[in-house]
Amino acid sequence: MRALIVIVVLNISLITAYNEYSNNVTTADLKELRKLLFVSRDYDRFARPIPKNDIFRVSIDYNLIHITNFDIRSQILTAEGWLFSSWHDGSLAWDTTALRHIPNIRIPSTQLYLPDLMSYNSVDYGSPRIINTNAIVYRNGNVLWVPPMTLKAMCRVNLKRWPYDEHICFIKFGSWTHDGYIMDVFPMNRTNPGLLNDIWKNTEFDISYINVTRDVKFYDCCKEPYPSISFFFRVQRRPSLYHYIISMPAF
């Protein structure tokens, strides 16, 4: 557990371009900035942070960290991962002379307007379980939120080559209540997708990242587009244990 905490801290450090406590930023500075953003401006976390007719654009990425369980019979994958999401909130930008030296600030996500992202292929809508961690708000109004999450998703199983079987699983995200004219989603432009894939090794399956796709659907009921992002993973069984059992002669 201690090693995991160190890795998490290191990776969050890589995500942030600056540290809020660098450049001689004081506690008084941060207090003044929070007062500016949430008191003086009367920030409303329930109001979309963009002009009325603009589209709220959200970039997302998903890092699968660990398969908690893969139920072959029910074809349900239970996974732990990190959901990266980034957007622009102009109400949270600052450029005043007194506070310009503060590059970013950590704010509890419960105080911010958040995109209503949901896993479309979840089999348990008590899932995903998302932890309300801090978000990083940058001086230009960009927001980065990386909550850990647990989810259960459907995964088509193919056992034709057991115990050398492999399965292509995917997790699809999109807005739960908004169409694409109100909120749009895009893959996050990151150089190392699946960066956290090797934190926890599963004893039975190897996991590898394949690709990410963006899909836009139209339905007969509605004229609006409905965009979504799908992350595909290859789940391959480690056959060594089964090979040993099959190959050993019976006495």
C-alpha atoms as a PDB file:
ATOM      1  CA  MET A   1       0.000   0.000   0.000  1.00  0.00           C
ATOM      2  CA  ARG A   2       2.867   2.357   0.798  1.00  0.00           C
ATOM      3  CA  ALA A   3       4.371   1.757  -2.638  1.00  0.00           C
ATOM      4  CA  LEU A   4       1.012   2.497  -4.274  1.00  0.00           C
ATOM      5  CA  ILE A   5       0.720   5.812  -2.442  1.00  0.00           C
ATOM      6  CA  VAL A   6       4.192   6.820  -3.639  1.00  0.00           C
ATOM      7  CA  ILE A   7       3.309   5.951  -7.252  1.00  0.00           C
ATOM      8  CA  VAL A   8       0.046   7.902  -7.054  1.00  0.00           C
ATOM      9  CA  VAL A   9       1.837  10.977  -5.707  1.00  0.00           C
ATOM     10  CA  LEU A  10       4.516  10.759  -8.396  1.00  0.00           C
ATOM     11  CA  ASN A  11       2.004  10.443 -11.223  1.00  0.00           C
ATOM     12  CA  ILE A  12      -0.138  13.307  -9.994  1.00  0.00           C
ATOM     13  CA  SER A  13       3.069  15.359  -9.892  1.00  0.00           C
ATOM     14  CA  LEU A  14       3.668  14.517 -13.540  1.00  0.00           C
ATOM     15  CA  ILE A  15       0.162  15.632 -14.439  1.00  0.00           C
ATOM     16  CA  THR A  16       0.573  19.084 -12.934  1.00  0.00           C
ATOM     17  CA  ALA A  17       2.799  21.541 -14.704  1.00  0.00           C
ATOM     18  CA  TYR A  18       3.381  23.575 -11.543  1.00  0.00           C
ATOM     19  CA  ASN A  19       2.873  23.236  -7.836  1.00  0.00           C
ATOM     20  CA  GLU A  20       0.587  25.625  -6.026  1.00  0.00           C
ATOM     21  CA  TYR A  21       3.105  26.013  -3.192  1.00  0.00           C
ATOM     22  CA  SER A  22       5.990  26.997  -5.452  1.00  0.00           C
ATOM     23  CA  ASN A  23       7.010  30.558  -6.304  1.00  0.00           C
ATOM     24  CA  ASN A  24       6.583  31.674  -2.700  1.00  0.00           C
ATOM     25  CA  VAL A  25       2.829  31.170  -2.682  1.00  0.00           C
ATOM     26  CA  THR A  26       1.587  31.688   0.867  1.00  0.00           C
ATOM     27  CA  THR A  27      -1.444  30.398   2.702  1.00  0.00           C
ATOM     28  CA  ALA A  28      -2.774  33.949   2.728  1.00  0.00           C
ATOM     29  CA  ASP A  29      -2.451  34.076  -1.069  1.00  0.00           C
ATOM     30  CA  LEU A  30      -4.487  30.892  -1.482  1.00  0.00           C
ATOM     31  CA  LYS A  31      -7.111  32.138   0.968  1.00  0.00           C
ATOM     32  CA  GLU A  32      -7.432  35.369  -0.994  1.00  0.00           C
ATOM     33  CA  LEU A  33      -7.743  33.459  -4.259  1.00  0.00           C
ATOM     34  CA  ARG A  34     -10.481  31.190  -2.895  1.00  0.00           C
ATOM     35  CA  LYS A  35     -12.332  34.281  -1.671  1.00  0.00           C
ATOM     36  CA  LEU A  36     -12.085  35.837  -5.139  1.00  0.00           C
ATOM     37  CA  LEU A  37     -13.328  32.723  -6.935  1.00  0.00           C
ATOM     38  CA  PHE A  38     -16.102  31.555  -4.643  1.00  0.00           C
ATOM     39  CA  VAL A  39     -17.245  34.584  -2.623  1.00  0.00           C
ATOM     40  CA  SER A  40     -16.642  37.731  -4.660  1.00  0.00           C
ATOM     41  CA  ARG A  41     -17.820  36.091  -7.889  1.00  0.00           C
ATOM     42  CA  ASP A  42     -20.642  34.150  -6.245  1.00  0.00           C
ATOM     43  CA  TYR A  43     -19.632  30.958  -8.061  1.00  0.00           C
ATOM     44  CA  ASP A  44     -22.544  28.620  -8.838  1.00  0.00           C
ATOM     45  CA  ARG A  45     -21.501  24.963  -9.085  1.00  0.00           C
ATOM     46  CA  PHE A  46     -24.859  24.069 -10.650  1.00  0.00           C
ATOM     47  CA  ALA A  47     -24.535  26.470 -13.598  1.00  0.00           C
ATOM     48  CA  ARG A  48     -22.745  25.468 -16.798  1.00  0.00           C
ATOM     49  CA  PRO A  49     -19.485  27.439 -16.856  1.00  0.00           C
ATOM     50  CA  ILE A  50     -19.802  28.611 -20.469  1.00  0.00           C
ATOM     51  CA  PRO A  51     -21.896  31.119 -22.474  1.00  0.00           C
ATOM     52  CA  LYS A  52     -25.476  30.031 -23.089  1.00  0.00           C
ATOM     53  CA  ASN A  53     -25.114  28.893 -26.701  1.00  0.00           C
ATOM     54  CA  ASP A  54     -21.639  27.331 -26.443  1.00  0.00           C
ATOM     55  CA  ILE A  55     -20.911  23.626 -26.119  1.00  0.00           C
ATOM     56  CA  PHE A  56     -19.339  22.413 -22.898  1.00  0.00           C
ATOM     57  CA  ARG A  57     -16.333  20.385 -24.090  1.00  0.00           C
ATOM     58  CA  VAL A  58     -14.782  17.714 -21.871  1.00  0.00           C
ATOM     59  CA  SER A  59     -11.615  15.731 -22.597  1.00  0.00           C
ATOM     60  CA  ILE A  60     -11.424  12.350 -20.893  1.00  0.00           C
ATOM     61  CA  ASP A  61      -9.085   9.407 -20.489  1.00  0.00           C
ATOM     62  CA  TYR A  62      -9.348   6.230 -18.462  1.00  0.00           C
ATOM     63  CA  ASN A  63      -6.480   4.282 -16.945  1.00  0.00           C
ATOM     64  CA  LEU A  64      -7.330   0.722 -15.969  1.00  0.00           C
ATOM     65  CA  ILE A  65      -5.217  -0.051 -12.910  1.00  0.00           C
ATOM     66  CA  HIS A  66      -6.445  -3.396 -11.674  1.00  0.00           C
ATOM     67  CA  ILE A  67      -8.999  -6.088 -12.436  1.00  0.00           C
ATOM     68  CA  THR A  68     -10.647  -6.854  -9.122  1.00  0.00           C
ATOM     69  CA  ASN A  69     -12.721  -9.657 -10.576  1.00  0.00           C
ATOM     70  CA  PHE A  70     -13.525 -11.128 -13.980  1.00  0.00           C
ATOM     71  CA  ASP A  71     -16.611 -13.314 -13.756  1.00  0.00           C
ATOM     72  CA  ILE A  72     -16.431 -15.456 -16.891  1.00  0.00           C
ATOM     73  CA  ARG A  73     -19.885 -16.974 -16.420  1.00  0.00           C
ATOM     74  CA  SER A  74     -21.724 -13.656 -16.078  1.00  0.00           C
ATOM     75  CA  GLN A  75     -19.271 -11.827 -18.369  1.00  0.00           C
ATOM     76  CA  ILE A  76     -18.799  -8.991 -15.898  1.00  0.00           C
ATOM     77  CA  LEU A  77     -15.497  -7.196 -15.411  1.00  0.00           C
ATOM     78  CA  THR A  78     -14.951  -5.388 -12.103  1.00  0.00           C
ATOM     79  CA  ALA A  79     -12.157  -2.860 -12.449  1.00  0.00           C
ATOM     80  CA  GLU A  80     -10.314  -0.178 -10.526  1.00  0.00           C
ATOM     81  CA  GLY A  81      -9.099   2.811 -12.480  1.00  0.00           C
ATOM     82  CA  TRP A  82      -8.541   6.539 -12.748  1.00  0.00           C
ATOM     83  CA  LEU A  83     -10.881   8.716 -14.802  1.00  0.00           C
ATOM     84  CA  PHE A  84      -9.000  11.723 -16.208  1.00  0.00           C
ATOM     85  CA  SER A  85     -11.280  14.611 -17.144  1.00  0.00           C
ATOM     86  CA  SER A  86     -10.421  18.143 -18.203  1.00  0.00           C
ATOM     87  CA  TRP A  87     -12.508  21.171 -19.185  1.00  0.00           C
ATOM     88  CA  HIS A  88     -12.497  24.962 -19.174  1.00  0.00           C
ATOM     89  CA  ASP A  89     -14.374  26.992 -16.578  1.00  0.00           C
ATOM     90  CA  GLY A  90     -13.961  30.708 -17.290  1.00  0.00           C
ATOM     91  CA  SER A  91     -15.494  31.574 -13.922  1.00  0.00           C
ATOM     92  CA  LEU A  92     -12.426  30.097 -12.228  1.00  0.00           C
ATOM     93  CA  ALA A  93      -9.751  32.012 -14.168  1.00  0.00           C
ATOM     94  CA  TRP A  94      -7.754  34.747 -12.478  1.00  0.00           C
ATOM     95  CA  ASP A  95      -5.316  37.352 -13.768  1.00  0.00           C
ATOM     96  CA  THR A  96      -5.199  39.974 -11.053  1.00  0.00           C
ATOM     97  CA  THR A  97      -1.757  41.422 -10.402  1.00  0.00           C
ATOM     98  CA  ALA A  98      -1.733  40.409  -6.744  1.00  0.00           C
ATOM     99  CA  LEU A  99      -2.527  36.757  -7.512  1.00  0.00           C
ATOM    100  CA  ARG A 100      -0.877  36.274 -10.897  1.00  0.00           C
ATOM    101  CA  HIS A 101       2.052  34.398  -9.327  1.00  0.00           C
ATOM    102  CA  ILE A 102      -0.279  31.520  -8.323  1.00  0.00           C
ATOM    103  CA  PRO A 103      -0.223  29.025 -11.223  1.00  0.00           C
ATOM    104  CA  ASN A 104      -2.907  26.659  -9.872  1.00  0.00           C
ATOM    105  CA  ILE A 105      -4.913  25.735  -6.832  1.00  0.00           C
ATOM    106  CA  ARG A 106      -6.499  22.562  -5.430  1.00  0.00           C
ATOM    107  CA  ILE A 107     -10.252  22.757  -4.904  1.00  0.00           C
ATOM    108  CA  PRO A 108     -12.591  20.024  -3.568  1.00  0.00           C
ATOM    109  CA  SER A 109     -14.539  18.668  -6.524  1.00  0.00           C
ATOM    110  CA  THR A 110     -17.777  19.019  -4.547  1.00  0.00           C
ATOM    111  CA  GLN A 111     -17.404  22.810  -4.885  1.00  0.00           C
ATOM    112  CA  LEU A 112     -17.116  22.805  -8.685  1.00  0.00           C
ATOM    113  CA  TYR A 113     -19.374  22.313 -11.652  1.00  0.00           C
ATOM    114  CA  LEU A 114     -18.612  18.768 -12.826  1.00  0.00           C
ATOM    115  CA  PRO A 115     -19.459  16.986 -16.093  1.00  0.00           C
ATOM    116  CA  ASP A 116     -22.060  14.270 -15.520  1.00  0.00           C
ATOM    117  CA  LEU A 117     -19.944  11.476 -16.975  1.00  0.00           C
ATOM    118  CA  MET A 118     -21.252   7.933 -16.668  1.00  0.00           C
ATOM    119  CA  SER A 119     -20.168   4.511 -17.876  1.00  0.00           C
ATOM    120  CA  TYR A 120     -22.802   3.503 -20.439  1.00  0.00           C
ATOM    121  CA  ASN A 121     -22.024  -0.215 -20.322  1.00  0.00           C
ATOM    122  CA  SER A 122     -22.076  -0.513 -16.555  1.00  0.00           C
ATOM    123  CA  VAL A 123     -24.092  -3.444 -15.221  1.00  0.00           C
ATOM    124  CA  ASP A 124     -24.553  -1.852 -11.820  1.00  0.00           C
ATOM    125  CA  TYR A 125     -25.717   1.738 -11.720  1.00  0.00           C
ATOM    126  CA  GLY A 126     -24.671   1.931  -8.112  1.00  0.00           C
ATOM    127  CA  SER A 127     -21.395   1.676 -10.018  1.00  0.00           C
ATOM    128  CA  PRO A 128     -19.212   3.437 -10.907  1.00  0.00           C
ATOM    129  CA  ARG A 129     -18.192   4.519  -7.451  1.00  0.00           C
ATOM    130  CA  ILE A 130     -16.312   7.792  -7.872  1.00  0.00           C
ATOM    131  CA  ILE A 131     -14.363   9.300  -5.000  1.00  0.00           C
ATOM    132  CA  ASN A 132     -14.734  13.074  -4.650  1.00  0.00           C
ATOM    133  CA  THR A 133     -11.066  14.039  -4.722  1.00  0.00           C
ATOM    134  CA  ASN A 134      -9.615  17.507  -5.174  1.00  0.00           C
ATOM    135  CA  ALA A 135      -9.496  19.016  -8.651  1.00  0.00           C
ATOM    136  CA  ILE A 136      -6.641  21.168  -9.951  1.00  0.00           C
ATOM    137  CA  VAL A 137      -7.755  24.568 -11.213  1.00  0.00           C
ATOM    138  CA  TYR A 138      -5.278  26.483 -13.376  1.00  0.00           C
ATOM    139  CA  ARG A 139      -4.907  30.224 -13.702  1.00  0.00           C
ATOM    140  CA  ASN A 140      -6.414  30.235 -17.220  1.00  0.00           C
ATOM    141  CA  GLY A 141      -9.572  28.487 -15.982  1.00  0.00           C
ATOM    142  CA  ASN A 142      -8.674  24.958 -17.107  1.00  0.00           C
ATOM    143  CA  VAL A 143      -9.714  22.242 -14.665  1.00  0.00           C
ATOM    144  CA  LEU A 144      -8.211  18.772 -14.242  1.00  0.00           C
ATOM    145  CA  TRP A 145     -10.012  16.154 -12.163  1.00  0.00           C
ATOM    146  CA  VAL A 146      -8.646  12.611 -11.758  1.00  0.00           C
ATOM    147  CA  PRO A 147     -10.889  10.649  -9.389  1.00  0.00           C
ATOM    148  CA  PRO A 148     -10.250   6.972  -8.626  1.00  0.00           C
ATOM    149  CA  MET A 149     -13.251   4.855  -9.542  1.00  0.00           C
ATOM    150  CA  THR A 150     -14.579   1.311  -9.284  1.00  0.00           C
ATOM    151  CA  LEU A 151     -16.949   0.029 -11.949  1.00  0.00           C
ATOM    152  CA  LYS A 152     -18.579  -3.132 -13.230  1.00  0.00           C
ATOM    153  CA  ALA A 153     -18.829  -3.415 -16.999  1.00  0.00           C
ATOM    154  CA  MET A 154     -20.073  -5.996 -19.468  1.00  0.00           C
ATOM    155  CA  CYS A 155     -17.318  -7.859 -21.313  1.00  0.00           C
ATOM    156  CA  ARG A 156     -17.940 -10.380 -24.090  1.00  0.00           C
ATOM    157  CA  VAL A 157     -16.170 -13.655 -23.304  1.00  0.00           C
ATOM    158  CA  ASN A 158     -14.564 -15.990 -25.850  1.00  0.00           C
ATOM    159  CA  LEU A 159     -13.347 -19.319 -24.445  1.00  0.00           C
ATOM    160  CA  LYS A 160     -12.561 -21.101 -27.702  1.00  0.00           C
ATOM    161  CA  ARG A 161      -8.816 -21.106 -26.979  1.00  0.00           C
ATOM    162  CA  TRP A 162      -8.956 -21.674 -23.211  1.00  0.00           C
ATOM    163  CA  PRO A 163      -6.626 -21.550 -21.324  1.00  0.00           C
ATOM    164  CA  TYR A 164      -4.986 -19.323 -23.951  1.00  0.00           C
ATOM    165  CA  ASP A 165      -8.096 -17.202 -24.254  1.00  0.00           C
ATOM    166  CA  GLU A 166      -8.117 -13.454 -24.574  1.00  0.00           C
ATOM    167  CA  HIS A 167     -11.015 -11.043 -24.415  1.00  0.00           C
ATOM    168  CA  ILE A 168     -11.505  -7.539 -25.774  1.00  0.00           C
ATOM    169  CA  CYS A 169     -13.285  -5.454 -23.169  1.00  0.00           C
ATOM    170  CA  PHE A 170     -14.324  -1.835 -23.355  1.00  0.00           C
ATOM    171  CA  ILE A 171     -15.615   0.891 -21.074  1.00  0.00           C
ATOM    172  CA  LYS A 172     -17.787   3.591 -22.641  1.00  0.00           C
ATOM    173  CA  PHE A 173     -18.259   7.054 -21.138  1.00  0.00           C
ATOM    174  CA  GLY A 174     -20.540   9.942 -22.018  1.00  0.00           C
ATOM    175  CA  SER A 175     -22.867  12.497 -20.531  1.00  0.00           C
ATOM    176  CA  TRP A 176     -25.802  10.967 -18.693  1.00  0.00           C
ATOM    177  CA  THR A 177     -28.280  13.816 -19.260  1.00  0.00           C
ATOM    178  CA  HIS A 178     -26.911  16.099 -21.998  1.00  0.00           C
ATOM    179  CA  ASP A 179     -26.852  15.746 -25.757  1.00  0.00           C
ATOM    180  CA  GLY A 180     -23.874  16.723 -27.890  1.00  0.00           C
ATOM    181  CA  TYR A 181     -25.163  20.242 -28.492  1.00  0.00           C
ATOM    182  CA  ILE A 182     -24.878  20.929 -24.780  1.00  0.00           C
ATOM    183  CA  MET A 183     -21.914  18.755 -23.738  1.00  0.00           C
ATOM    184  CA  ASP A 184     -19.383  17.064 -26.008  1.00  0.00           C
ATOM    185  CA  VAL A 185     -16.649  14.587 -25.094  1.00  0.00           C
ATOM    186  CA  PHE A 186     -13.237  13.999 -26.682  1.00  0.00           C
ATOM    187  CA  PRO A 187     -10.273  11.694 -25.990  1.00  0.00           C
ATOM    188  CA  MET A 188      -7.627  13.410 -23.920  1.00  0.00           C
ATOM    189  CA  ASN A 189      -4.410  14.033 -25.838  1.00  0.00           C
ATOM    190  CA  ARG A 190      -1.974  12.162 -23.619  1.00  0.00           C
ATOM    191  CA  THR A 191       1.347  10.681 -24.725  1.00  0.00           C
ATOM    192  CA  ASN A 192       1.124   7.639 -22.436  1.00  0.00           C
ATOM    193  CA  PRO A 193      -2.381   6.146 -22.430  1.00  0.00           C
ATOM    194  CA  GLY A 194      -2.624   3.271 -19.991  1.00  0.00           C
ATOM    195  CA  LEU A 195       0.267   4.761 -18.002  1.00  0.00           C
ATOM    196  CA  LEU A 196      -0.932   3.212 -14.738  1.00  0.00           C
ATOM    197  CA  ASN A 197      -1.583  -0.223 -16.135  1.00  0.00           C
ATOM    198  CA  ASP A 198       1.277  -1.881 -14.249  1.00  0.00           C
ATOM    199  CA  ILE A 199       0.558  -0.712 -10.688  1.00  0.00           C
ATOM    200  CA  TRP A 200      -1.274  -3.891  -9.651  1.00  0.00           C
ATOM    201  CA  LYS A 201      -0.710  -7.168 -11.463  1.00  0.00           C
ATOM    202  CA  ASN A 202      -3.617  -9.570 -11.641  1.00  0.00           C
ATOM    203  CA  THR A 203      -2.641 -13.156 -10.818  1.00  0.00           C
ATOM    204  CA  GLU A 204      -4.807 -14.676 -13.551  1.00  0.00           C
ATOM    205  CA  PHE A 205      -4.999 -12.094 -16.344  1.00  0.00           C
ATOM    206  CA  ASP A 206      -2.663  -9.758 -18.189  1.00  0.00           C
ATOM    207  CA  ILE A 207      -4.103  -6.413 -19.229  1.00  0.00           C
ATOM    208  CA  SER A 208      -3.005  -4.297 -22.165  1.00  0.00           C
ATOM    209  CA  TYR A 209      -4.367  -1.099 -23.635  1.00  0.00           C
ATOM    210  CA  ILE A 210      -5.531  -1.233 -27.237  1.00  0.00           C
ATOM    211  CA  ASN A 211      -7.114   2.019 -28.321  1.00  0.00           C
ATOM    212  CA  VAL A 212      -9.713   4.692 -27.729  1.00  0.00           C
ATOM    213  CA  THR A 213     -12.555   5.638 -30.060  1.00  0.00           C
ATOM    214  CA  ARG A 214     -15.077   8.467 -30.209  1.00  0.00           C
ATOM    215  CA  ASP A 215     -18.564   7.665 -31.428  1.00  0.00           C
ATOM    216  CA  VAL A 216     -21.526   9.930 -32.175  1.00  0.00           C
ATOM    217  CA  LYS A 217     -24.993   8.408 -32.373  1.00  0.00           C
ATOM    218  CA  PHE A 218     -28.343   9.723 -33.542  1.00  0.00           C
ATOM    219  CA  TYR A 219     -31.598   8.139 -32.411  1.00  0.00           C
ATOM    220  CA  ASP A 220     -35.016   8.055 -34.053  1.00  0.00           C
ATOM    221  CA  CYS A 221     -36.508   9.915 -31.115  1.00  0.00           C
ATOM    222  CA  CYS A 222     -34.204  12.885 -31.219  1.00  0.00           C
ATOM    223  CA  LYS A 223     -32.377  15.128 -33.673  1.00  0.00           C
ATOM    224  CA  GLU A 224     -29.484  15.834 -31.311  1.00  0.00           C
ATOM    225  CA  PRO A 225     -26.151  13.953 -31.446  1.00  0.00           C
ATOM    226  CA  TYR A 226     -25.040  11.776 -28.513  1.00  0.00           C
ATOM    227  CA  PRO A 227     -21.240  11.462 -28.344  1.00  0.00           C
ATOM    228  CA  SER A 228     -19.326   8.912 -26.298  1.00  0.00           C
ATOM    229  CA  ILE A 229     -15.751   7.727 -25.730  1.00  0.00           C
ATOM    230  CA  SER A 230     -14.835   4.031 -25.515  1.00  0.00           C
ATOM    231  CA  PHE A 231     -11.604   2.644 -24.076  1.00  0.00           C
ATOM    232  CA  PHE A 232     -10.656  -0.844 -25.263  1.00  0.00           C
ATOM    233  CA  PHE A 233      -8.481  -3.275 -23.324  1.00  0.00           C
ATOM    234  CA  ARG A 234      -7.161  -6.755 -24.081  1.00  0.00           C
ATOM    235  CA  VAL A 235      -7.616  -9.133 -21.142  1.00  0.00           C
ATOM    236  CA  GLN A 236      -5.480 -12.231 -21.672  1.00  0.00           C
ATOM    237  CA  ARG A 237      -5.391 -15.240 -19.371  1.00  0.00           C
ATOM    238  CA  ARG A 238      -2.055 -16.340 -17.969  1.00  0.00           C
ATOM    239  CA  PRO A 239      -2.041 -20.014 -19.003  1.00  0.00           C
ATOM    240  CA  SER A 240       1.023 -21.116 -17.013  1.00  0.00           C
ATOM    241  CA  LEU A 241      -0.894 -22.539 -14.043  1.00  0.00           C
ATOM    242  CA  TYR A 242      -3.433 -24.316 -16.227  1.00  0.00           C
ATOM    243  CA  HIS A 243      -0.703 -25.598 -18.538  1.00  0.00           C
ATOM    244  CA  TYR A 244       1.081 -27.104 -15.559  1.00  0.00           C
ATOM    245  CA  ILE A 245      -2.072 -28.826 -14.372  1.00  0.00           C
ATOM    246  CA  ILE A 246      -2.945 -30.155 -17.825  1.00  0.00           C
ATOM    247  CA  SER A 247       0.580 -31.319 -18.655  1.00  0.00           C
ATOM    248  CA  MET A 248       1.360 -33.177 -15.427  1.00  0.00           C
ATOM    249  CA  PRO A 249       0.739 -36.918 -15.791  1.00  0.00           C
ATOM    250  CA  ALA A 250      -1.630 -38.622 -13.375  1.00  0.00           C
ATOM    251  CA  PHE A 251      -0.116 -41.338 -11.174  1.00  0.00           C
END
